[in-house]
Amino acid sequence: MTKSDLIKALADKEKITDKKATDVIKLMFDGFSETLRKGDRIEIRGFGSFSVREYEPYKGRNPKTGKEIEVKPKKLPFFKVGRELKRKVDTQGK
């Protein structure tokens, strides 16, 4: 499902305009992004949680040249699937 599919599904289900549905989805994604940017956690019961993981700098290797490079420290979003979603996905094909 793409962002456009999500907007269309929301508009159809709630009988609202595509513009209004776009605003709602944008507000939600912007809120998620800002929360993670601040280093806070997002938990959606039955679905999963988003958090930010920090990675220390390390020495890596350029796969093309084999040359050693310094990889800077970084923060990346991390998603942990919830038990309920895991169960739904696992039993879907059975």
PDB file of N, CA and C in Angstrom:
ATOM      1  N   MET A   1       0.849  -1.175   0.000  1.00  0.00           N
ATOM      2  CA  MET A   1       0.000   0.000   0.000  1.00  0.00           C
ATOM      3  C   MET A   1       0.893   1.237   0.000  1.00  0.00           C
ATOM      4  N   THR A   2       0.590   2.153  -0.886  1.00  0.00           N
ATOM      5  CA  THR A   2       1.341   3.403  -0.954  1.00  0.00           C
ATOM      6  C   THR A   2       0.619   4.495  -0.170  1.00  0.00           C
ATOM      7  N   LYS A   3       1.276   5.631  -0.026  1.00  0.00           N
ATOM      8  CA  LYS A   3       0.667   6.765   0.659  1.00  0.00           C
ATOM      9  C   LYS A   3      -0.616   7.187  -0.079  1.00  0.00           C
ATOM     10  N   SER A   4      -0.573   7.179  -1.404  1.00  0.00           N
ATOM     11  CA  SER A   4      -1.752   7.531  -2.209  1.00  0.00           C
ATOM     12  C   SER A   4      -2.897   6.549  -1.977  1.00  0.00           C
ATOM     13  N   ASP A   5      -2.571   5.254  -1.873  1.00  0.00           N
ATOM     14  CA  ASP A   5      -3.587   4.235  -1.591  1.00  0.00           C
ATOM     15  C   ASP A   5      -4.226   4.478  -0.227  1.00  0.00           C
ATOM     16  N   LEU A   6      -3.401   4.837   0.734  1.00  0.00           N
ATOM     17  CA  LEU A   6      -3.885   5.111   2.087  1.00  0.00           C
ATOM     18  C   LEU A   6      -4.831   6.316   2.091  1.00  0.00           C
ATOM     19  N   ILE A   7      -4.454   7.360   1.373  1.00  0.00           N
ATOM     20  CA  ILE A   7      -5.301   8.562   1.273  1.00  0.00           C
ATOM     21  C   ILE A   7      -6.632   8.211   0.626  1.00  0.00           C
ATOM     22  N   LYS A   8      -6.582   7.450  -0.450  1.00  0.00           N
ATOM     23  CA  LYS A   8      -7.810   7.050  -1.159  1.00  0.00           C
ATOM     24  C   LYS A   8      -8.702   6.192  -0.256  1.00  0.00           C
ATOM     25  N   ALA A   9      -8.109   5.245   0.458  1.00  0.00           N
ATOM     26  CA  ALA A   9      -8.884   4.384   1.355  1.00  0.00           C
ATOM     27  C   ALA A   9      -9.552   5.201   2.459  1.00  0.00           C
ATOM     28  N   LEU A  10      -8.830   6.155   3.028  1.00  0.00           N
ATOM     29  CA  LEU A  10      -9.395   7.015   4.075  1.00  0.00           C
ATOM     30  C   LEU A  10     -10.532   7.858   3.523  1.00  0.00           C
ATOM     31  N   ALA A  11     -10.325   8.455   2.369  1.00  0.00           N
ATOM     32  CA  ALA A  11     -11.361   9.293   1.745  1.00  0.00           C
ATOM     33  C   ALA A  11     -12.617   8.479   1.458  1.00  0.00           C
ATOM     34  N   ASP A  12     -12.445   7.283   0.927  1.00  0.00           N
ATOM     35  CA  ASP A  12     -13.596   6.430   0.602  1.00  0.00           C
ATOM     36  C   ASP A  12     -14.328   5.963   1.858  1.00  0.00           C
ATOM     37  N   LYS A  13     -13.573   5.496   2.841  1.00  0.00           N
ATOM     38  CA  LYS A  13     -14.183   4.949   4.058  1.00  0.00           C
ATOM     39  C   LYS A  13     -14.913   6.016   4.869  1.00  0.00           C
ATOM     40  N   GLU A  14     -14.318   7.184   4.985  1.00  0.00           N
ATOM     41  CA  GLU A  14     -14.898   8.232   5.823  1.00  0.00           C
ATOM     42  C   GLU A  14     -15.741   9.237   5.036  1.00  0.00           C
ATOM     43  N   LYS A  15     -15.851   8.998   3.738  1.00  0.00           N
ATOM     44  CA  LYS A  15     -16.648   9.876   2.860  1.00  0.00           C
ATOM     45  C   LYS A  15     -16.205  11.339   2.987  1.00  0.00           C
ATOM     46  N   ILE A  16     -14.898  11.546   2.859  1.00  0.00           N
ATOM     47  CA  ILE A  16     -14.336  12.901   2.889  1.00  0.00           C
ATOM     48  C   ILE A  16     -13.585  13.137   1.580  1.00  0.00           C
ATOM     49  N   THR A  17     -13.252  14.394   1.318  1.00  0.00           N
ATOM     50  CA  THR A  17     -12.553  14.716   0.073  1.00  0.00           C
ATOM     51  C   THR A  17     -11.120  14.188   0.132  1.00  0.00           C
ATOM     52  N   ASP A  18     -10.544  14.012  -1.050  1.00  0.00           N
ATOM     53  CA  ASP A  18      -9.143  13.582  -1.124  1.00  0.00           C
ATOM     54  C   ASP A  18      -8.238  14.614  -0.455  1.00  0.00           C
ATOM     55  N   LYS A  19      -8.563  15.883  -0.577  1.00  0.00           N
ATOM     56  CA  LYS A  19      -7.763  16.960   0.030  1.00  0.00           C
ATOM     57  C   LYS A  19      -7.761  16.825   1.549  1.00  0.00           C
ATOM     58  N   LYS A  20      -8.933  16.590   2.123  1.00  0.00           N
ATOM     59  CA  LYS A  20      -9.048  16.434   3.577  1.00  0.00           C
ATOM     60  C   LYS A  20      -8.295  15.180   4.044  1.00  0.00           C
ATOM     61  N   ALA A  21      -8.441  14.079   3.294  1.00  0.00           N
ATOM     62  CA  ALA A  21      -7.742  12.840   3.629  1.00  0.00           C
ATOM     63  C   ALA A  21      -6.227  13.039   3.534  1.00  0.00           C
ATOM     64  N   THR A  22      -5.781  13.775   2.519  1.00  0.00           N
ATOM     65  CA  THR A  22      -4.354  14.085   2.369  1.00  0.00           C
ATOM     66  C   THR A  22      -3.857  14.867   3.562  1.00  0.00           C
ATOM     67  N   ASP A  23      -4.637  15.846   4.009  1.00  0.00           N
ATOM     68  CA  ASP A  23      -4.256  16.655   5.177  1.00  0.00           C
ATOM     69  C   ASP A  23      -4.133  15.799   6.437  1.00  0.00           C
ATOM     70  N   VAL A  24      -5.059  14.870   6.615  1.00  0.00           N
ATOM     71  CA  VAL A  24      -5.038  13.994   7.792  1.00  0.00           C
ATOM     72  C   VAL A  24      -3.796  13.102   7.779  1.00  0.00           C
ATOM     73  N   ILE A  25      -3.529  12.473   6.639  1.00  0.00           N
ATOM     74  CA  ILE A  25      -2.365  11.588   6.519  1.00  0.00           C
ATOM     75  C   ILE A  25      -1.071  12.377   6.681  1.00  0.00           C
ATOM     76  N   LYS A  26      -1.012  13.568   6.083  1.00  0.00           N
ATOM     77  CA  LYS A  26       0.180  14.419   6.212  1.00  0.00           C
ATOM     78  C   LYS A  26       0.394  14.811   7.675  1.00  0.00           C
ATOM     79  N   LEU A  27      -0.665  15.187   8.352  1.00  0.00           N
ATOM     80  CA  LEU A  27      -0.573  15.549   9.769  1.00  0.00           C
ATOM     81  C   LEU A  27      -0.045  14.372  10.595  1.00  0.00           C
ATOM     82  N   MET A  28      -0.541  13.186  10.310  1.00  0.00           N
ATOM     83  CA  MET A  28      -0.119  11.990  11.041  1.00  0.00           C
ATOM     84  C   MET A  28       1.364  11.684  10.790  1.00  0.00           C
ATOM     85  N   PHE A  29       1.758  11.664   9.519  1.00  0.00           N
ATOM     86  CA  PHE A  29       3.161  11.365   9.190  1.00  0.00           C
ATOM     87  C   PHE A  29       4.105  12.443   9.714  1.00  0.00           C
ATOM     88  N   ASP A  30       3.700  13.706   9.619  1.00  0.00           N
ATOM     89  CA  ASP A  30       4.528  14.797  10.153  1.00  0.00           C
ATOM     90  C   ASP A  30       4.688  14.654  11.661  1.00  0.00           C
ATOM     91  N   GLY A  31       3.613  14.265  12.339  1.00  0.00           N
ATOM     92  CA  GLY A  31       3.669  14.052  13.782  1.00  0.00           C
ATOM     93  C   GLY A  31       4.607  12.911  14.145  1.00  0.00           C
ATOM     94  N   PHE A  32       4.522  11.822  13.394  1.00  0.00           N
ATOM     95  CA  PHE A  32       5.431  10.692  13.618  1.00  0.00           C
ATOM     96  C   PHE A  32       6.879  11.127  13.422  1.00  0.00           C
ATOM     97  N   SER A  33       7.132  11.816  12.313  1.00  0.00           N
ATOM     98  CA  SER A  33       8.500  12.252  11.995  1.00  0.00           C
ATOM     99  C   SER A  33       9.054  13.173  13.064  1.00  0.00           C
ATOM    100  N   GLU A  34       8.251  14.118  13.512  1.00  0.00           N
ATOM    101  CA  GLU A  34       8.705  15.074  14.533  1.00  0.00           C
ATOM    102  C   GLU A  34       8.966  14.373  15.863  1.00  0.00           C
ATOM    103  N   THR A  35       8.110  13.449  16.226  1.00  0.00           N
ATOM    104  CA  THR A  35       8.288  12.690  17.465  1.00  0.00           C
ATOM    105  C   THR A  35       9.594  11.913  17.436  1.00  0.00           C
ATOM    106  N   LEU A  36       9.864  11.234  16.334  1.00  0.00           N
ATOM    107  CA  LEU A  36      11.103  10.469  16.205  1.00  0.00           C
ATOM    108  C   LEU A  36      12.320  11.395  16.130  1.00  0.00           C
ATOM    109  N   ARG A  37      12.176  12.546  15.470  1.00  0.00           N
ATOM    110  CA  ARG A  37      13.268  13.508  15.380  1.00  0.00           C
ATOM    111  C   ARG A  37      13.709  13.962  16.768  1.00  0.00           C
ATOM    112  N   LYS A  38      12.736  14.104  17.670  1.00  0.00           N
ATOM    113  CA  LYS A  38      13.034  14.516  19.047  1.00  0.00           C
ATOM    114  C   LYS A  38      13.580  13.368  19.887  1.00  0.00           C
ATOM    115  N   GLY A  39      13.571  12.159  19.331  1.00  0.00           N
ATOM    116  CA  GLY A  39      14.098  11.002  20.044  1.00  0.00           C
ATOM    117  C   GLY A  39      13.062  10.287  20.890  1.00  0.00           C
ATOM    118  N   ASP A  40      11.791  10.677  20.737  1.00  0.00           N
ATOM    119  CA  ASP A  40      10.720  10.025  21.488  1.00  0.00           C
ATOM    120  C   ASP A  40      10.251   8.762  20.765  1.00  0.00           C
ATOM    121  N   ARG A  41       9.456   7.992  21.461  1.00  0.00           N
ATOM    122  CA  ARG A  41       8.970   6.699  20.969  1.00  0.00           C
ATOM    123  C   ARG A  41       7.493   6.816  20.594  1.00  0.00           C
ATOM    124  N   ILE A  42       7.079   6.044  19.587  1.00  0.00           N
ATOM    125  CA  ILE A  42       5.679   5.987  19.170  1.00  0.00           C
ATOM    126  C   ILE A  42       5.209   4.550  19.369  1.00  0.00           C
ATOM    127  N   GLU A  43       4.098   4.384  20.081  1.00  0.00           N
ATOM    128  CA  GLU A  43       3.554   3.047  20.279  1.00  0.00           C
ATOM    129  C   GLU A  43       2.107   3.022  19.818  1.00  0.00           C
ATOM    130  N   ILE A  44       1.808   2.094  18.914  1.00  0.00           N
ATOM    131  CA  ILE A  44       0.443   1.908  18.429  1.00  0.00           C
ATOM    132  C   ILE A  44       0.042   0.496  18.825  1.00  0.00           C
ATOM    133  N   ARG A  45      -0.788   0.403  19.850  1.00  0.00           N
ATOM    134  CA  ARG A  45      -1.184  -0.903  20.397  1.00  0.00           C
ATOM    135  C   ARG A  45      -1.753  -1.795  19.318  1.00  0.00           C
ATOM    136  N   GLY A  46      -1.326  -3.044  19.306  1.00  0.00           N
ATOM    137  CA  GLY A  46      -1.812  -4.015  18.341  1.00  0.00           C
ATOM    138  C   GLY A  46      -1.104  -3.937  16.997  1.00  0.00           C
ATOM    139  N   PHE A  47      -0.280  -2.909  16.806  1.00  0.00           N
ATOM    140  CA  PHE A  47       0.428  -2.744  15.534  1.00  0.00           C
ATOM    141  C   PHE A  47       1.933  -2.842  15.721  1.00  0.00           C
ATOM    142  N   GLY A  48       2.473  -1.973  16.567  1.00  0.00           N
ATOM    143  CA  GLY A  48       3.907  -1.993  16.814  1.00  0.00           C
ATOM    144  C   GLY A  48       4.391  -0.674  17.381  1.00  0.00           C
ATOM    145  N   SER A  49       5.700  -0.540  17.481  1.00  0.00           N
ATOM    146  CA  SER A  49       6.265   0.690  18.024  1.00  0.00           C
ATOM    147  C   SER A  49       7.453   1.141  17.176  1.00  0.00           C
ATOM    148  N   PHE A  50       7.632   2.446  17.139  1.00  0.00           N
ATOM    149  CA  PHE A  50       8.739   3.067  16.436  1.00  0.00           C
ATOM    150  C   PHE A  50       9.632   3.726  17.471  1.00  0.00           C
ATOM    151  N   SER A  51      10.935   3.606  17.276  1.00  0.00           N
ATOM    152  CA  SER A  51      11.884   4.272  18.156  1.00  0.00           C
ATOM    153  C   SER A  51      13.089   4.658  17.315  1.00  0.00           C
ATOM    154  N   VAL A  52      14.024   5.354  17.947  1.00  0.00           N
ATOM    155  CA  VAL A  52      15.240   5.762  17.263  1.00  0.00           C
ATOM    156  C   VAL A  52      16.402   5.008  17.892  1.00  0.00           C
ATOM    157  N   ARG A  53      17.211   4.395  17.055  1.00  0.00           N
ATOM    158  CA  ARG A  53      18.408   3.697  17.533  1.00  0.00           C
ATOM    159  C   ARG A  53      19.627   4.501  17.123  1.00  0.00           C
ATOM    160  N   GLU A  54      20.558   4.614  18.064  1.00  0.00           N
ATOM    161  CA  GLU A  54      21.795   5.347  17.788  1.00  0.00           C
ATOM    162  C   GLU A  54      22.911   4.347  17.510  1.00  0.00           C
ATOM    163  N   TYR A  55      23.688   4.633  16.491  1.00  0.00           N
ATOM    164  CA  TYR A  55      24.792   3.772  16.100  1.00  0.00           C
ATOM    165  C   TYR A  55      26.106   4.533  16.255  1.00  0.00           C
ATOM    166  N   GLU A  56      27.078   3.871  16.846  1.00  0.00           N
ATOM    167  CA  GLU A  56      28.411   4.447  17.055  1.00  0.00           C
ATOM    168  C   GLU A  56      29.163   4.503  15.722  1.00  0.00           C
ATOM    169  N   PRO A  57      30.161   5.378  15.638  1.00  0.00           N
ATOM    170  CA  PRO A  57      30.974   5.392  14.418  1.00  0.00           C
ATOM    171  C   PRO A  57      31.780   4.091  14.306  1.00  0.00           C
ATOM    172  N   TYR A  58      32.090   3.718  13.095  1.00  0.00           N
ATOM    173  CA  TYR A  58      32.891   2.511  12.893  1.00  0.00           C
ATOM    174  C   TYR A  58      33.655   2.612  11.573  1.00  0.00           C
ATOM    175  N   LYS A  59      34.588   1.744  11.411  1.00  0.00           N
ATOM    176  CA  LYS A  59      35.353   1.696  10.164  1.00  0.00           C
ATOM    177  C   LYS A  59      34.674   0.692   9.239  1.00  0.00           C
ATOM    178  N   GLY A  60      34.333   1.167   8.050  1.00  0.00           N
ATOM    179  CA  GLY A  60      33.697   0.315   7.060  1.00  0.00           C
ATOM    180  C   GLY A  60      34.617   0.126   5.866  1.00  0.00           C
ATOM    181  N   ARG A  61      34.112  -0.510   4.853  1.00  0.00           N
ATOM    182  CA  ARG A  61      34.914  -0.754   3.662  1.00  0.00           C
ATOM    183  C   ARG A  61      34.056  -0.482   2.433  1.00  0.00           C
ATOM    184  N   ASN A  62      34.606   0.269   1.500  1.00  0.00           N
ATOM    185  CA  ASN A  62      33.926   0.527   0.237  1.00  0.00           C
ATOM    186  C   ASN A  62      33.940  -0.780  -0.561  1.00  0.00           C
ATOM    187  N   PRO A  63      32.769  -1.343  -0.876  1.00  0.00           N
ATOM    188  CA  PRO A  63      32.740  -2.643  -1.552  1.00  0.00           C
ATOM    189  C   PRO A  63      33.338  -2.611  -2.964  1.00  0.00           C
ATOM    190  N   LYS A  64      33.303  -1.445  -3.610  1.00  0.00           N
ATOM    191  CA  LYS A  64      33.852  -1.336  -4.961  1.00  0.00           C
ATOM    192  C   LYS A  64      35.373  -1.332  -4.966  1.00  0.00           C
ATOM    193  N   THR A  65      35.936  -0.483  -4.077  1.00  0.00           N
ATOM    194  CA  THR A  65      37.390  -0.298  -4.092  1.00  0.00           C
ATOM    195  C   THR A  65      38.114  -1.093  -3.021  1.00  0.00           C
ATOM    196  N   GLY A  66      37.377  -1.500  -1.987  1.00  0.00           N
ATOM    197  CA  GLY A  66      38.007  -2.195  -0.874  1.00  0.00           C
ATOM    198  C   GLY A  66      38.671  -1.242   0.104  1.00  0.00           C
ATOM    199  N   LYS A  67      38.617   0.057  -0.201  1.00  0.00           N
ATOM    200  CA  LYS A  67      39.252   1.069   0.639  1.00  0.00           C
ATOM    201  C   LYS A  67      38.478   1.219   1.956  1.00  0.00           C
ATOM    202  N   GLU A  68      39.225   1.355   3.048  1.00  0.00           N
ATOM    203  CA  GLU A  68      38.606   1.530   4.361  1.00  0.00           C
ATOM    204  C   GLU A  68      38.086   2.961   4.488  1.00  0.00           C
ATOM    205  N   ILE A  69      36.874   3.097   5.043  1.00  0.00           N
ATOM    206  CA  ILE A  69      36.276   4.422   5.237  1.00  0.00           C
ATOM    207  C   ILE A  69      35.767   4.543   6.671  1.00  0.00           C
ATOM    208  N   GLU A  70      35.654   5.787   7.131  1.00  0.00           N
ATOM    209  CA  GLU A  70      35.136   6.074   8.458  1.00  0.00           C
ATOM    210  C   GLU A  70      33.633   6.353   8.335  1.00  0.00           C
ATOM    211  N   VAL A  71      32.815   5.562   9.001  1.00  0.00           N
ATOM    212  CA  VAL A  71      31.367   5.768   8.989  1.00  0.00           C
ATOM    213  C   VAL A  71      31.011   6.569  10.235  1.00  0.00           C
ATOM    214  N   LYS A  72      30.342   7.692  10.022  1.00  0.00           N
ATOM    215  CA  LYS A  72      30.001   8.597  11.121  1.00  0.00           C
ATOM    216  C   LYS A  72      28.892   8.006  11.990  1.00  0.00           C
ATOM    217  N   PRO A  73      28.781   8.496  13.238  1.00  0.00           N
ATOM    218  CA  PRO A  73      27.663   8.030  14.081  1.00  0.00           C
ATOM    219  C   PRO A  73      26.342   8.454  13.445  1.00  0.00           C
ATOM    220  N   LYS A  74      25.315   7.674  13.693  1.00  0.00           N
ATOM    221  CA  LYS A  74      24.025   8.010  13.087  1.00  0.00           C
ATOM    222  C   LYS A  74      22.878   7.535  13.951  1.00  0.00           C
ATOM    223  N   LYS A  75      21.722   8.117  13.685  1.00  0.00           N
ATOM    224  CA  LYS A  75      20.475   7.709  14.326  1.00  0.00           C
ATOM    225  C   LYS A  75      19.545   7.251  13.222  1.00  0.00           C
ATOM    226  N   LEU A  76      18.893   6.113  13.432  1.00  0.00           N
ATOM    227  CA  LEU A  76      17.968   5.575  12.433  1.00  0.00           C
ATOM    228  C   LEU A  76      16.669   5.138  13.100  1.00  0.00           C
ATOM    229  N   PRO A  77      15.542   5.325  12.388  1.00  0.00           N
ATOM    230  CA  PRO A  77      14.274   4.838  12.932  1.00  0.00           C
ATOM    231  C   PRO A  77      14.256   3.311  12.935  1.00  0.00           C
ATOM    232  N   PHE A  78      13.595   2.753  13.939  1.00  0.00           N
ATOM    233  CA  PHE A  78      13.505   1.306  14.092  1.00  0.00           C
ATOM    234  C   PHE A  78      12.054   0.957  14.399  1.00  0.00           C
ATOM    235  N   PHE A  79      11.527  -0.070  13.741  1.00  0.00           N
ATOM    236  CA  PHE A  79      10.151  -0.518  13.974  1.00  0.00           C
ATOM    237  C   PHE A  79      10.168  -1.904  14.593  1.00  0.00           C
ATOM    238  N   LYS A  80       9.416  -2.054  15.665  1.00  0.00           N
ATOM    239  CA  LYS A  80       9.253  -3.365  16.293  1.00  0.00           C
ATOM    240  C   LYS A  80       7.785  -3.753  16.156  1.00  0.00           C
ATOM    241  N   VAL A  81       7.530  -4.843  15.477  1.00  0.00           N
ATOM    242  CA  VAL A  81       6.157  -5.285  15.218  1.00  0.00           C
ATOM    243  C   VAL A  81       5.487  -5.734  16.514  1.00  0.00           C
ATOM    244  N   GLY A  82       4.197  -5.418  16.641  1.00  0.00           N
ATOM    245  CA  GLY A  82       3.425  -5.824  17.809  1.00  0.00           C
ATOM    246  C   GLY A  82       2.979  -7.274  17.706  1.00  0.00           C
ATOM    247  N   ARG A  83       2.715  -7.874  18.845  1.00  0.00           N
ATOM    248  CA  ARG A  83       2.326  -9.276  18.901  1.00  0.00           C
ATOM    249  C   ARG A  83       1.050  -9.552  18.094  1.00  0.00           C
ATOM    250  N   GLU A  84       0.072  -8.666  18.207  1.00  0.00           N
ATOM    251  CA  GLU A  84      -1.206  -8.862  17.516  1.00  0.00           C
ATOM    252  C   GLU A  84      -1.032  -8.835  15.989  1.00  0.00           C
ATOM    253  N   LEU A  85      -0.252  -7.883  15.490  1.00  0.00           N
ATOM    254  CA  LEU A  85      -0.003  -7.796  14.050  1.00  0.00           C
ATOM    255  C   LEU A  85       0.791  -9.008  13.577  1.00  0.00           C
ATOM    256  N   LYS A  86       1.767  -9.408  14.350  1.00  0.00           N
ATOM    257  CA  LYS A  86       2.582 -10.577  14.015  1.00  0.00           C
ATOM    258  C   LYS A  86       1.684 -11.805  13.874  1.00  0.00           C
ATOM    259  N   ARG A  87       0.753 -11.959  14.806  1.00  0.00           N
ATOM    260  CA  ARG A  87      -0.162 -13.103  14.788  1.00  0.00           C
ATOM    261  C   ARG A  87      -1.086 -13.043  13.559  1.00  0.00           C
ATOM    262  N   LYS A  88      -1.609 -11.850  13.252  1.00  0.00           N
ATOM    263  CA  LYS A  88      -2.497 -11.703  12.095  1.00  0.00           C
ATOM    264  C   LYS A  88      -1.790 -12.048  10.803  1.00  0.00           C
ATOM    265  N   VAL A  89      -0.576 -11.576  10.647  1.00  0.00           N
ATOM    266  CA  VAL A  89       0.177 -11.828   9.411  1.00  0.00           C
ATOM    267  C   VAL A  89       0.532 -13.315   9.298  1.00  0.00           C
ATOM    268  N   ASP A  90       0.916 -13.910  10.420  1.00  0.00           N
ATOM    269  CA  ASP A  90       1.327 -15.310  10.421  1.00  0.00           C
ATOM    270  C   ASP A  90       0.171 -16.255  10.117  1.00  0.00           C
ATOM    271  N   THR A  91      -1.026 -15.960  10.596  1.00  0.00           N
ATOM    272  CA  THR A  91      -2.157 -16.855  10.406  1.00  0.00           C
ATOM    273  C   THR A  91      -2.934 -16.540   9.125  1.00  0.00           C
ATOM    274  N   GLN A  92      -2.600 -15.479   8.443  1.00  0.00           N
ATOM    275  CA  GLN A  92      -3.325 -15.058   7.231  1.00  0.00           C
ATOM    276  C   GLN A  92      -3.261 -16.116   6.150  1.00  0.00           C
ATOM    277  N   GLY A  93      -2.124 -16.741   5.951  1.00  0.00           N
ATOM    278  CA  GLY A  93      -1.967 -17.697   4.856  1.00  0.00           C
ATOM    279  C   GLY A  93      -2.453 -19.098   5.191  1.00  0.00           C
ATOM    280  N   LYS A  94      -2.883 -19.348   6.395  1.00  0.00           N
ATOM    281  CA  LYS A  94      -3.256 -20.703   6.821  1.00  0.00           C
ATOM    282  C   LYS A  94      -4.736 -20.955   6.711  1.00  0.00           C
TER     283      LYS A  94
END
